[in-house]
């Protein structure tokens, strides 16, 4: 569906050159639902702009459905929901839908697109009277008109309340079920965790992690093992655990008052090895293993003071990445 090869994008700012995207490679297969995560200035919006053909890389190549990005957009194969722009305040929602639909040779019925986006009840409301979240849902309905194969969303739920956000993602689940490829940039980690099949994290214009949510969370934040140890041997066991190469921390989480067992928490990089040690050599009971949170992974992987991918230092641009306003169809 999408292929990026050694893509770099720089911008001139006064006397400095800002590197917004720094030599990234990325392949996205048909039917994938991919979340693009990263802090401000990570390169997310610039990457999306290049995939949409709104700007071109300084070096490297991008293809969408085997063709240049702008051609794929003009062919109606790609739709986007961007953060700002593209709506006329004096028109009603229905008038906006009919106007944009008239620019396509072929399009789904306006009423169908509005229903799928959950805005049928807003048909007679002027755009100027719609909330920010409602305007985002209108942009989503407009994006559905050409029945695209690829949907790209940049912070799609910005301005939505909790209920509206839930309804929006329910609609997106339906579109994913129709076989669409969906890419969305977000800073809501729970959205990425709950909706995306795959997460790509960016920091300083580079990709610092790429994989299924559980793998990224486990690799970046490690796994935690909780277990009960006999009270009389707990101190010795904790000391032994702290010396284990797969353990990053080991601590007692209660005092075991009135019990012959105490609860311990062990964090490490190899939960299987820790579990074997606890069960076979330390008489542990009630063992639980859990992955670290996505929040922890996000902080660890995108921290400008930490390291990027293995063998690659994190790169920090000299200023916040430029953004492009407007919408694309």
C-alpha atoms as a PDB file:
ATOM      1  CA  UNK A   1       0.000   0.000   0.000  1.00  0.00           C
ATOM      2  CA  UNK A   2       2.698   2.495   1.051  1.00  0.00           C
ATOM      3  CA  UNK A   3       6.469   2.337   0.745  1.00  0.00           C
ATOM      4  CA  UNK A   4       8.989   4.876   2.033  1.00  0.00           C
ATOM      5  CA  UNK A   5      12.688   4.438   1.298  1.00  0.00           C
ATOM      6  CA  UNK A   6      15.375   6.593   2.952  1.00  0.00           C
ATOM      7  CA  UNK A   7      12.986   9.535   3.113  1.00  0.00           C
ATOM      8  CA  UNK A   8      14.403  12.813   4.425  1.00  0.00           C
ATOM      9  CA  UNK A   9      12.669  16.171   4.696  1.00  0.00           C
ATOM     10  CA  UNK A  10      14.362  19.390   5.799  1.00  0.00           C
ATOM     11  CA  UNK A  11      13.092  22.951   6.168  1.00  0.00           C
ATOM     12  CA  UNK A  12      14.914  26.256   6.230  1.00  0.00           C
ATOM     13  CA  UNK A  13      14.233  28.370   9.290  1.00  0.00           C
ATOM     14  CA  UNK A  14      16.132  31.648   9.418  1.00  0.00           C
ATOM     15  CA  UNK A  15      19.770  30.571   9.203  1.00  0.00           C
ATOM     16  CA  UNK A  16      19.173  27.014  10.377  1.00  0.00           C
ATOM     17  CA  UNK A  17      18.149  23.832   8.592  1.00  0.00           C
ATOM     18  CA  UNK A  18      15.526  21.828  10.479  1.00  0.00           C
ATOM     19  CA  UNK A  19      15.453  18.078   9.803  1.00  0.00           C
ATOM     20  CA  UNK A  20      11.814  17.070  10.259  1.00  0.00           C
ATOM     21  CA  UNK A  21      12.176  13.532   8.854  1.00  0.00           C
ATOM     22  CA  UNK A  22      15.552  11.830   8.929  1.00  0.00           C
ATOM     23  CA  UNK A  23      16.043   8.945   6.479  1.00  0.00           C
ATOM     24  CA  UNK A  24      13.098   6.721   7.424  1.00  0.00           C
ATOM     25  CA  UNK A  25      12.066   3.426   5.824  1.00  0.00           C
ATOM     26  CA  UNK A  26       8.489   2.201   6.177  1.00  0.00           C
ATOM     27  CA  UNK A  27       6.273  -0.413   4.528  1.00  0.00           C
ATOM     28  CA  UNK A  28       2.507  -0.503   5.144  1.00  0.00           C
ATOM     29  CA  UNK A  29       0.502  -3.425   3.807  1.00  0.00           C
ATOM     30  CA  UNK A  30      -3.089  -3.304   2.519  1.00  0.00           C
ATOM     31  CA  UNK A  31      -5.647  -3.648   5.286  1.00  0.00           C
ATOM     32  CA  UNK A  32      -3.341  -2.576   8.125  1.00  0.00           C
ATOM     33  CA  UNK A  33      -4.488  -0.227  10.875  1.00  0.00           C
ATOM     34  CA  UNK A  34      -1.389   1.687  11.929  1.00  0.00           C
ATOM     35  CA  UNK A  35      -0.945   4.290  14.672  1.00  0.00           C
ATOM     36  CA  UNK A  36       1.796   6.874  14.283  1.00  0.00           C
ATOM     37  CA  UNK A  37       2.955   8.084  17.700  1.00  0.00           C
ATOM     38  CA  UNK A  38       5.489  10.637  18.842  1.00  0.00           C
ATOM     39  CA  UNK A  39       5.915  13.903  20.735  1.00  0.00           C
ATOM     40  CA  UNK A  40       5.616  17.327  19.116  1.00  0.00           C
ATOM     41  CA  UNK A  41       8.373  17.751  16.549  1.00  0.00           C
ATOM     42  CA  UNK A  42       8.767  14.001  16.034  1.00  0.00           C
ATOM     43  CA  UNK A  43       8.033  14.192  12.291  1.00  0.00           C
ATOM     44  CA  UNK A  44       4.538  12.652  12.250  1.00  0.00           C
ATOM     45  CA  UNK A  45       2.710  15.427  10.424  1.00  0.00           C
ATOM     46  CA  UNK A  46       5.527  15.951   7.921  1.00  0.00           C
ATOM     47  CA  UNK A  47       5.499  12.209   7.156  1.00  0.00           C
ATOM     48  CA  UNK A  48       1.734  12.304   6.624  1.00  0.00           C
ATOM     49  CA  UNK A  49       2.036  15.391   4.410  1.00  0.00           C
ATOM     50  CA  UNK A  50       4.567  13.576   2.204  1.00  0.00           C
ATOM     51  CA  UNK A  51       2.384  10.456   1.931  1.00  0.00           C
ATOM     52  CA  UNK A  52      -0.468  12.732   0.826  1.00  0.00           C
ATOM     53  CA  UNK A  53       1.704  14.533  -1.716  1.00  0.00           C
ATOM     54  CA  UNK A  54       1.259  17.880   0.045  1.00  0.00           C
ATOM     55  CA  UNK A  55       5.029  18.216   0.240  1.00  0.00           C
ATOM     56  CA  UNK A  56       7.914  16.277  -1.305  1.00  0.00           C
ATOM     57  CA  UNK A  57      10.956  14.755   0.365  1.00  0.00           C
ATOM     58  CA  UNK A  58      14.384  16.282  -0.144  1.00  0.00           C
ATOM     59  CA  UNK A  59      15.686  12.777  -0.737  1.00  0.00           C
ATOM     60  CA  UNK A  60      14.345   9.240  -0.860  1.00  0.00           C
ATOM     61  CA  UNK A  61      11.230   7.834  -2.523  1.00  0.00           C
ATOM     62  CA  UNK A  62       7.560   7.403  -1.587  1.00  0.00           C
ATOM     63  CA  UNK A  63       4.979   5.325  -3.431  1.00  0.00           C
ATOM     64  CA  UNK A  64       1.295   4.888  -2.597  1.00  0.00           C
ATOM     65  CA  UNK A  65      -0.449   1.991  -4.340  1.00  0.00           C
ATOM     66  CA  UNK A  66       2.581   1.795  -6.598  1.00  0.00           C
ATOM     67  CA  UNK A  67       2.284   5.381  -7.842  1.00  0.00           C
ATOM     68  CA  UNK A  68       3.416   8.857  -6.751  1.00  0.00           C
ATOM     69  CA  UNK A  69       1.460  10.039  -3.692  1.00  0.00           C
ATOM     70  CA  UNK A  70      -0.262  12.956  -5.404  1.00  0.00           C
ATOM     71  CA  UNK A  71      -1.453  10.742  -8.250  1.00  0.00           C
ATOM     72  CA  UNK A  72      -2.949   8.248  -5.789  1.00  0.00           C
ATOM     73  CA  UNK A  73      -4.834  11.127  -4.130  1.00  0.00           C
ATOM     74  CA  UNK A  74      -6.087  12.505  -7.460  1.00  0.00           C
ATOM     75  CA  UNK A  75      -7.268   9.024  -8.439  1.00  0.00           C
ATOM     76  CA  UNK A  76      -9.538   9.008  -5.366  1.00  0.00           C
ATOM     77  CA  UNK A  77      -7.642   6.133  -3.747  1.00  0.00           C
ATOM     78  CA  UNK A  78      -6.599   8.180  -0.698  1.00  0.00           C
ATOM     79  CA  UNK A  79      -8.579  10.379   1.683  1.00  0.00           C
ATOM     80  CA  UNK A  80      -7.408  12.376   4.671  1.00  0.00           C
ATOM     81  CA  UNK A  81      -8.854  13.881   7.826  1.00  0.00           C
ATOM     82  CA  UNK A  82      -6.520  16.677   8.891  1.00  0.00           C
ATOM     83  CA  UNK A  83      -6.715  18.885  11.945  1.00  0.00           C
ATOM     84  CA  UNK A  84      -7.732  22.198  10.423  1.00  0.00           C
ATOM     85  CA  UNK A  85      -9.026  23.923   7.298  1.00  0.00           C
ATOM     86  CA  UNK A  86     -11.215  22.973   4.395  1.00  0.00           C
ATOM     87  CA  UNK A  87     -14.700  23.833   5.722  1.00  0.00           C
ATOM     88  CA  UNK A  88     -16.930  26.773   4.752  1.00  0.00           C
ATOM     89  CA  UNK A  89     -18.561  28.196   7.874  1.00  0.00           C
ATOM     90  CA  UNK A  90     -21.755  29.511   6.191  1.00  0.00           C
ATOM     91  CA  UNK A  91     -22.812  26.203   4.639  1.00  0.00           C
ATOM     92  CA  UNK A  92     -24.798  23.537   6.430  1.00  0.00           C
ATOM     93  CA  UNK A  93     -23.332  20.091   6.948  1.00  0.00           C
ATOM     94  CA  UNK A  94     -25.506  18.618   4.187  1.00  0.00           C
ATOM     95  CA  UNK A  95     -24.647  21.447   1.786  1.00  0.00           C
ATOM     96  CA  UNK A  96     -20.939  20.869   2.463  1.00  0.00           C
ATOM     97  CA  UNK A  97     -21.330  17.172   1.725  1.00  0.00           C
ATOM     98  CA  UNK A  98     -23.188  17.789  -1.553  1.00  0.00           C
ATOM     99  CA  UNK A  99     -20.697  20.429  -2.673  1.00  0.00           C
ATOM    100  CA  UNK A 100     -17.661  18.193  -2.183  1.00  0.00           C
ATOM    101  CA  UNK A 101     -19.464  15.161  -3.617  1.00  0.00           C
ATOM    102  CA  UNK A 102     -20.043  17.144  -6.838  1.00  0.00           C
ATOM    103  CA  UNK A 103     -16.277  17.308  -7.400  1.00  0.00           C
ATOM    104  CA  UNK A 104     -16.019  13.516  -7.755  1.00  0.00           C
ATOM    105  CA  UNK A 105     -16.916  11.595 -10.894  1.00  0.00           C
ATOM    106  CA  UNK A 106     -18.005   8.673  -8.745  1.00  0.00           C
ATOM    107  CA  UNK A 107     -18.867   8.792  -5.061  1.00  0.00           C
ATOM    108  CA  UNK A 108     -20.934   6.987  -2.462  1.00  0.00           C
ATOM    109  CA  UNK A 109     -24.362   8.512  -1.741  1.00  0.00           C
ATOM    110  CA  UNK A 110     -24.079  11.563   0.490  1.00  0.00           C
ATOM    111  CA  UNK A 111     -26.598  10.141   2.951  1.00  0.00           C
ATOM    112  CA  UNK A 112     -24.572   6.917   3.202  1.00  0.00           C
ATOM    113  CA  UNK A 113     -21.321   8.745   3.971  1.00  0.00           C
ATOM    114  CA  UNK A 114     -23.067  10.903   6.595  1.00  0.00           C
ATOM    115  CA  UNK A 115     -24.616   7.850   8.223  1.00  0.00           C
ATOM    116  CA  UNK A 116     -21.305   6.010   8.354  1.00  0.00           C
ATOM    117  CA  UNK A 117     -19.680   9.030   9.997  1.00  0.00           C
ATOM    118  CA  UNK A 118     -22.542   9.428  12.462  1.00  0.00           C
ATOM    119  CA  UNK A 119     -23.528  12.968  11.452  1.00  0.00           C
ATOM    120  CA  UNK A 120     -26.965  12.468   9.889  1.00  0.00           C
ATOM    121  CA  UNK A 121     -28.540  14.388  12.772  1.00  0.00           C
ATOM    122  CA  UNK A 122     -26.293  17.372  11.956  1.00  0.00           C
ATOM    123  CA  UNK A 123     -27.457  17.700   8.330  1.00  0.00           C
ATOM    124  CA  UNK A 124     -29.187  21.095   8.721  1.00  0.00           C
ATOM    125  CA  UNK A 125     -26.692  22.617  11.137  1.00  0.00           C
ATOM    126  CA  UNK A 126     -24.356  25.308   9.848  1.00  0.00           C
ATOM    127  CA  UNK A 127     -20.707  24.394  10.004  1.00  0.00           C
ATOM    128  CA  UNK A 128     -20.043  27.496  12.105  1.00  0.00           C
ATOM    129  CA  UNK A 129     -22.413  26.103  14.742  1.00  0.00           C
ATOM    130  CA  UNK A 130     -20.691  22.721  14.901  1.00  0.00           C
ATOM    131  CA  UNK A 131     -18.251  21.964  17.691  1.00  0.00           C
ATOM    132  CA  UNK A 132     -14.653  21.098  16.920  1.00  0.00           C
ATOM    133  CA  UNK A 133     -15.423  17.403  17.340  1.00  0.00           C
ATOM    134  CA  UNK A 134     -18.458  17.629  15.063  1.00  0.00           C
ATOM    135  CA  UNK A 135     -16.383  19.353  12.401  1.00  0.00           C
ATOM    136  CA  UNK A 136     -13.851  16.527  12.610  1.00  0.00           C
ATOM    137  CA  UNK A 137     -16.635  14.012  12.034  1.00  0.00           C
ATOM    138  CA  UNK A 138     -17.784  16.069   9.035  1.00  0.00           C
ATOM    139  CA  UNK A 139     -14.243  15.889   7.636  1.00  0.00           C
ATOM    140  CA  UNK A 140     -14.399  12.131   8.165  1.00  0.00           C
ATOM    141  CA  UNK A 141     -17.685  11.927   6.213  1.00  0.00           C
ATOM    142  CA  UNK A 142     -16.147  13.972   3.379  1.00  0.00           C
ATOM    143  CA  UNK A 143     -13.169  11.591   3.334  1.00  0.00           C
ATOM    144  CA  UNK A 144     -15.520   8.636   2.808  1.00  0.00           C
ATOM    145  CA  UNK A 145     -17.168  10.062  -0.322  1.00  0.00           C
ATOM    146  CA  UNK A 146     -14.773   8.556  -2.915  1.00  0.00           C
ATOM    147  CA  UNK A 147     -14.727   5.209  -1.026  1.00  0.00           C
ATOM    148  CA  UNK A 148     -10.923   5.354  -0.708  1.00  0.00           C
ATOM    149  CA  UNK A 149      -8.654   2.378  -0.192  1.00  0.00           C
ATOM    150  CA  UNK A 150      -6.471   4.369   2.220  1.00  0.00           C
ATOM    151  CA  UNK A 151      -7.616   6.655   5.048  1.00  0.00           C
ATOM    152  CA  UNK A 152      -5.075   8.924   6.729  1.00  0.00           C
ATOM    153  CA  UNK A 153      -6.040  10.772   9.897  1.00  0.00           C
ATOM    154  CA  UNK A 154      -3.957  13.387  11.713  1.00  0.00           C
ATOM    155  CA  UNK A 155      -5.088  13.698  15.355  1.00  0.00           C
ATOM    156  CA  UNK A 156      -8.641  12.802  14.255  1.00  0.00           C
ATOM    157  CA  UNK A 157     -10.292  13.019  17.691  1.00  0.00           C
ATOM    158  CA  UNK A 158      -8.861  16.398  18.687  1.00  0.00           C
ATOM    159  CA  UNK A 159     -11.663  18.463  20.207  1.00  0.00           C
ATOM    160  CA  UNK A 160     -13.959  15.484  20.784  1.00  0.00           C
ATOM    161  CA  UNK A 161     -15.391  14.632  24.180  1.00  0.00           C
ATOM    162  CA  UNK A 162     -15.156  11.088  25.523  1.00  0.00           C
ATOM    163  CA  UNK A 163     -18.541   9.967  24.174  1.00  0.00           C
ATOM    164  CA  UNK A 164     -17.968  11.453  20.715  1.00  0.00           C
ATOM    165  CA  UNK A 165     -14.492   9.926  20.580  1.00  0.00           C
ATOM    166  CA  UNK A 166     -15.932   6.511  21.390  1.00  0.00           C
ATOM    167  CA  UNK A 167     -18.545   6.871  18.633  1.00  0.00           C
ATOM    168  CA  UNK A 168     -15.893   8.003  16.168  1.00  0.00           C
ATOM    169  CA  UNK A 169     -13.728   4.960  16.800  1.00  0.00           C
ATOM    170  CA  UNK A 170     -16.752   2.685  16.509  1.00  0.00           C
ATOM    171  CA  UNK A 171     -17.246   4.129  13.026  1.00  0.00           C
ATOM    172  CA  UNK A 172     -13.556   3.628  12.252  1.00  0.00           C
ATOM    173  CA  UNK A 173     -13.810  -0.015  13.338  1.00  0.00           C
ATOM    174  CA  UNK A 174     -16.543  -0.448  10.729  1.00  0.00           C
ATOM    175  CA  UNK A 175     -14.347   1.111   8.026  1.00  0.00           C
ATOM    176  CA  UNK A 176     -11.472  -1.168   8.993  1.00  0.00           C
ATOM    177  CA  UNK A 177     -13.897  -4.077   8.694  1.00  0.00           C
ATOM    178  CA  UNK A 178     -14.545  -2.976   5.106  1.00  0.00           C
ATOM    179  CA  UNK A 179     -10.870  -3.648   4.373  1.00  0.00           C
ATOM    180  CA  UNK A 180      -9.575  -0.087   4.327  1.00  0.00           C
ATOM    181  CA  UNK A 181      -5.979   0.659   5.225  1.00  0.00           C
ATOM    182  CA  UNK A 182      -5.983   3.222   8.027  1.00  0.00           C
ATOM    183  CA  UNK A 183      -3.118   5.346   9.300  1.00  0.00           C
ATOM    184  CA  UNK A 184      -3.690   7.720  12.184  1.00  0.00           C
ATOM    185  CA  UNK A 185      -1.410  10.017  14.129  1.00  0.00           C
ATOM    186  CA  UNK A 186      -2.428  10.509  17.739  1.00  0.00           C
ATOM    187  CA  UNK A 187      -1.087  11.482  21.139  1.00  0.00           C
ATOM    188  CA  UNK A 188      -3.827   9.488  22.900  1.00  0.00           C
ATOM    189  CA  UNK A 189      -1.951   6.327  23.810  1.00  0.00           C
ATOM    190  CA  UNK A 190      -5.128   4.441  24.698  1.00  0.00           C
ATOM    191  CA  UNK A 191      -6.415   4.997  21.152  1.00  0.00           C
ATOM    192  CA  UNK A 192      -3.305   3.435  19.679  1.00  0.00           C
ATOM    193  CA  UNK A 193      -3.440   0.571  22.149  1.00  0.00           C
ATOM    194  CA  UNK A 194      -7.122  -0.220  21.591  1.00  0.00           C
ATOM    195  CA  UNK A 195      -7.492   0.378  17.862  1.00  0.00           C
ATOM    196  CA  UNK A 196      -4.200  -0.103  16.017  1.00  0.00           C
ATOM    197  CA  UNK A 197      -2.847  -3.435  14.807  1.00  0.00           C
ATOM    198  CA  UNK A 198       0.598  -1.888  14.625  1.00  0.00           C
ATOM    199  CA  UNK A 199       2.356   1.079  16.193  1.00  0.00           C
ATOM    200  CA  UNK A 200       5.149   3.158  14.687  1.00  0.00           C
ATOM    201  CA  UNK A 201       6.809   5.515  17.169  1.00  0.00           C
ATOM    202  CA  UNK A 202       8.787   8.496  15.917  1.00  0.00           C
ATOM    203  CA  UNK A 203      11.214  10.753  17.740  1.00  0.00           C
ATOM    204  CA  UNK A 204      13.469  13.412  16.277  1.00  0.00           C
ATOM    205  CA  UNK A 205      12.427  12.551  12.736  1.00  0.00           C
ATOM    206  CA  UNK A 206      13.349   8.877  13.086  1.00  0.00           C
ATOM    207  CA  UNK A 207      11.394   5.685  13.670  1.00  0.00           C
ATOM    208  CA  UNK A 208      12.382   4.396  17.114  1.00  0.00           C
ATOM    209  CA  UNK A 209       9.930   1.487  17.332  1.00  0.00           C
ATOM    210  CA  UNK A 210       7.744  -0.429  14.904  1.00  0.00           C
ATOM    211  CA  UNK A 211       5.609  -3.437  15.717  1.00  0.00           C
ATOM    212  CA  UNK A 212       2.470  -4.820  17.389  1.00  0.00           C
ATOM    213  CA  UNK A 213       1.369  -2.926  20.496  1.00  0.00           C
ATOM    214  CA  UNK A 214       2.200  -5.743  22.925  1.00  0.00           C
ATOM    215  CA  UNK A 215       5.692  -6.205  21.498  1.00  0.00           C
ATOM    216  CA  UNK A 216       6.535  -2.510  21.748  1.00  0.00           C
ATOM    217  CA  UNK A 217       5.180  -2.281  25.277  1.00  0.00           C
ATOM    218  CA  UNK A 218       7.134  -5.356  26.351  1.00  0.00           C
ATOM    219  CA  UNK A 219      10.390  -4.390  24.642  1.00  0.00           C
ATOM    220  CA  UNK A 220      10.415  -0.800  25.881  1.00  0.00           C
ATOM    221  CA  UNK A 221       8.915  -1.134  29.333  1.00  0.00           C
ATOM    222  CA  UNK A 222       9.847  -4.736  30.127  1.00  0.00           C
ATOM    223  CA  UNK A 223       7.590  -7.153  31.997  1.00  0.00           C
ATOM    224  CA  UNK A 224       6.701  -7.295  35.654  1.00  0.00           C
ATOM    225  CA  UNK A 225       6.397 -10.494  37.677  1.00  0.00           C
ATOM    226  CA  UNK A 226       4.375 -10.545  40.904  1.00  0.00           C
ATOM    227  CA  UNK A 227       4.676 -13.534  43.237  1.00  0.00           C
ATOM    228  CA  UNK A 228       4.320 -14.656  46.853  1.00  0.00           C
ATOM    229  CA  UNK A 229       7.534 -15.817  48.568  1.00  0.00           C
ATOM    230  CA  UNK A 230       7.965 -17.519  51.959  1.00  0.00           C
ATOM    231  CA  UNK A 231       8.477 -14.806  54.595  1.00  0.00           C
ATOM    232  CA  UNK A 232      11.552 -16.436  56.128  1.00  0.00           C
ATOM    233  CA  UNK A 233      13.451 -16.612  52.797  1.00  0.00           C
ATOM    234  CA  UNK A 234      12.127 -13.498  51.041  1.00  0.00           C
ATOM    235  CA  UNK A 235      15.124 -11.258  51.839  1.00  0.00           C
ATOM    236  CA  UNK A 236      17.628 -13.814  50.547  1.00  0.00           C
ATOM    237  CA  UNK A 237      15.526 -14.456  47.448  1.00  0.00           C
ATOM    238  CA  UNK A 238      15.237 -10.736  46.662  1.00  0.00           C
ATOM    239  CA  UNK A 239      19.021 -10.332  46.919  1.00  0.00           C
ATOM    240  CA  UNK A 240      19.478 -13.277  44.564  1.00  0.00           C
ATOM    241  CA  UNK A 241      16.937 -11.837  42.130  1.00  0.00           C
ATOM    242  CA  UNK A 242      18.655  -8.440  42.066  1.00  0.00           C
ATOM    243  CA  UNK A 243      21.894 -10.165  41.012  1.00  0.00           C
ATOM    244  CA  UNK A 244      20.183 -11.924  38.095  1.00  0.00           C
ATOM    245  CA  UNK A 245      21.167 -10.459  34.670  1.00  0.00           C
ATOM    246  CA  UNK A 246      17.516 -10.444  33.480  1.00  0.00           C
ATOM    247  CA  UNK A 247      16.285  -8.440  36.494  1.00  0.00           C
ATOM    248  CA  UNK A 248      16.207  -4.647  36.597  1.00  0.00           C
ATOM    249  CA  UNK A 249      14.505  -4.324  39.998  1.00  0.00           C
ATOM    250  CA  UNK A 250      13.113  -6.538  42.756  1.00  0.00           C
ATOM    251  CA  UNK A 251      11.183  -5.320  45.771  1.00  0.00           C
ATOM    252  CA  UNK A 252       8.792  -6.420  48.471  1.00  0.00           C
ATOM    253  CA  UNK A 253       5.328  -4.866  48.123  1.00  0.00           C
ATOM    254  CA  UNK A 254       3.816  -5.833  51.505  1.00  0.00           C
ATOM    255  CA  UNK A 255       5.152  -6.756  54.922  1.00  0.00           C
ATOM    256  CA  UNK A 256       3.450 -10.147  55.123  1.00  0.00           C
ATOM    257  CA  UNK A 257       2.018  -9.358  58.559  1.00  0.00           C
ATOM    258  CA  UNK A 258       0.088 -12.322  59.874  1.00  0.00           C
ATOM    259  CA  UNK A 259       1.083 -14.501  56.947  1.00  0.00           C
ATOM    260  CA  UNK A 260       3.860 -16.911  56.075  1.00  0.00           C
ATOM    261  CA  UNK A 261       4.102 -15.365  52.574  1.00  0.00           C
ATOM    262  CA  UNK A 262       5.063 -11.893  51.293  1.00  0.00           C
ATOM    263  CA  UNK A 263       4.302 -10.349  47.926  1.00  0.00           C
ATOM    264  CA  UNK A 264       7.235  -9.286  45.722  1.00  0.00           C
ATOM    265  CA  UNK A 265       7.464  -7.405  42.444  1.00  0.00           C
ATOM    266  CA  UNK A 266      10.246  -8.206  39.968  1.00  0.00           C
ATOM    267  CA  UNK A 267      10.824  -6.179  36.790  1.00  0.00           C
ATOM    268  CA  UNK A 268      13.116  -7.428  34.067  1.00  0.00           C
ATOM    269  CA  UNK A 269      13.838  -8.138  30.450  1.00  0.00           C
ATOM    270  CA  UNK A 270      13.206 -11.907  30.506  1.00  0.00           C
ATOM    271  CA  UNK A 271      10.048 -12.706  32.446  1.00  0.00           C
ATOM    272  CA  UNK A 272      10.255 -16.410  31.543  1.00  0.00           C
ATOM    273  CA  UNK A 273      13.679 -16.748  33.202  1.00  0.00           C
ATOM    274  CA  UNK A 274      12.468 -14.865  36.280  1.00  0.00           C
ATOM    275  CA  UNK A 275       9.363 -17.033  36.531  1.00  0.00           C
ATOM    276  CA  UNK A 276      11.403 -20.247  36.293  1.00  0.00           C
ATOM    277  CA  UNK A 277      13.727 -19.034  39.033  1.00  0.00           C
ATOM    278  CA  UNK A 278      10.846 -18.076  41.326  1.00  0.00           C
ATOM    279  CA  UNK A 279       8.934 -21.314  40.812  1.00  0.00           C
ATOM    280  CA  UNK A 280      11.729 -23.871  40.760  1.00  0.00           C
ATOM    281  CA  UNK A 281      14.188 -22.459  43.284  1.00  0.00           C
ATOM    282  CA  UNK A 282      12.279 -20.097  45.563  1.00  0.00           C
ATOM    283  CA  UNK A 283       8.957 -21.867  46.240  1.00  0.00           C
ATOM    284  CA  UNK A 284       6.956 -18.947  44.836  1.00  0.00           C
ATOM    285  CA  UNK A 285       3.161 -19.067  44.626  1.00  0.00           C
ATOM    286  CA  UNK A 286       0.389 -17.095  42.866  1.00  0.00           C
ATOM    287  CA  UNK A 287       2.701 -15.833  40.142  1.00  0.00           C
ATOM    288  CA  UNK A 288       1.450 -13.148  37.724  1.00  0.00           C
ATOM    289  CA  UNK A 289       3.202 -11.696  34.670  1.00  0.00           C
ATOM    290  CA  UNK A 290       2.140  -8.410  33.075  1.00  0.00           C
ATOM    291  CA  UNK A 291       3.568  -6.196  30.343  1.00  0.00           C
ATOM    292  CA  UNK A 292       4.597  -2.619  31.060  1.00  0.00           C
ATOM    293  CA  UNK A 293       2.247   0.173  30.113  1.00  0.00           C
ATOM    294  CA  UNK A 294       2.226   1.810  26.697  1.00  0.00           C
ATOM    295  CA  UNK A 295       2.773   5.118  28.499  1.00  0.00           C
ATOM    296  CA  UNK A 296       6.082   3.803  29.837  1.00  0.00           C
ATOM    297  CA  UNK A 297       7.090   2.540  26.414  1.00  0.00           C
ATOM    298  CA  UNK A 298       6.240   5.887  24.836  1.00  0.00           C
ATOM    299  CA  UNK A 299       8.343   7.792  27.355  1.00  0.00           C
ATOM    300  CA  UNK A 300      11.271   5.377  27.138  1.00  0.00           C
ATOM    301  CA  UNK A 301      11.368   5.260  23.345  1.00  0.00           C
ATOM    302  CA  UNK A 302      10.729   8.901  22.520  1.00  0.00           C
ATOM    303  CA  UNK A 303      12.697  10.556  25.315  1.00  0.00           C
ATOM    304  CA  UNK A 304      15.203  12.977  23.809  1.00  0.00           C
ATOM    305  CA  UNK A 305      17.635  12.075  26.571  1.00  0.00           C
ATOM    306  CA  UNK A 306      17.484   8.359  25.845  1.00  0.00           C
ATOM    307  CA  UNK A 307      18.620   6.189  22.990  1.00  0.00           C
ATOM    308  CA  UNK A 308      16.719   5.484  19.810  1.00  0.00           C
ATOM    309  CA  UNK A 309      16.788   2.178  18.022  1.00  0.00           C
ATOM    310  CA  UNK A 310      19.462  -0.289  18.900  1.00  0.00           C
ATOM    311  CA  UNK A 311      22.762   1.021  17.695  1.00  0.00           C
ATOM    312  CA  UNK A 312      21.311   4.410  16.793  1.00  0.00           C
ATOM    313  CA  UNK A 313      21.312   7.535  18.926  1.00  0.00           C
ATOM    314  CA  UNK A 314      18.193   9.644  19.225  1.00  0.00           C
ATOM    315  CA  UNK A 315      18.124  12.737  17.042  1.00  0.00           C
ATOM    316  CA  UNK A 316      16.406  15.915  18.200  1.00  0.00           C
ATOM    317  CA  UNK A 317      15.441  18.625  15.700  1.00  0.00           C
ATOM    318  CA  UNK A 318      16.291  22.203  16.550  1.00  0.00           C
ATOM    319  CA  UNK A 319      12.657  23.292  16.568  1.00  0.00           C
ATOM    320  CA  UNK A 320       9.121  22.039  16.372  1.00  0.00           C
ATOM    321  CA  UNK A 321       8.270  20.433  13.032  1.00  0.00           C
ATOM    322  CA  UNK A 322       6.417  22.631  10.532  1.00  0.00           C
ATOM    323  CA  UNK A 323       2.767  21.741   9.925  1.00  0.00           C
ATOM    324  CA  UNK A 324       0.573  22.061   6.873  1.00  0.00           C
ATOM    325  CA  UNK A 325      -2.949  23.381   7.186  1.00  0.00           C
ATOM    326  CA  UNK A 326      -5.799  22.433   4.905  1.00  0.00           C
ATOM    327  CA  UNK A 327      -7.455  19.205   3.850  1.00  0.00           C
ATOM    328  CA  UNK A 328      -6.811  16.787   1.024  1.00  0.00           C
ATOM    329  CA  UNK A 329      -9.176  14.494  -0.738  1.00  0.00           C
END
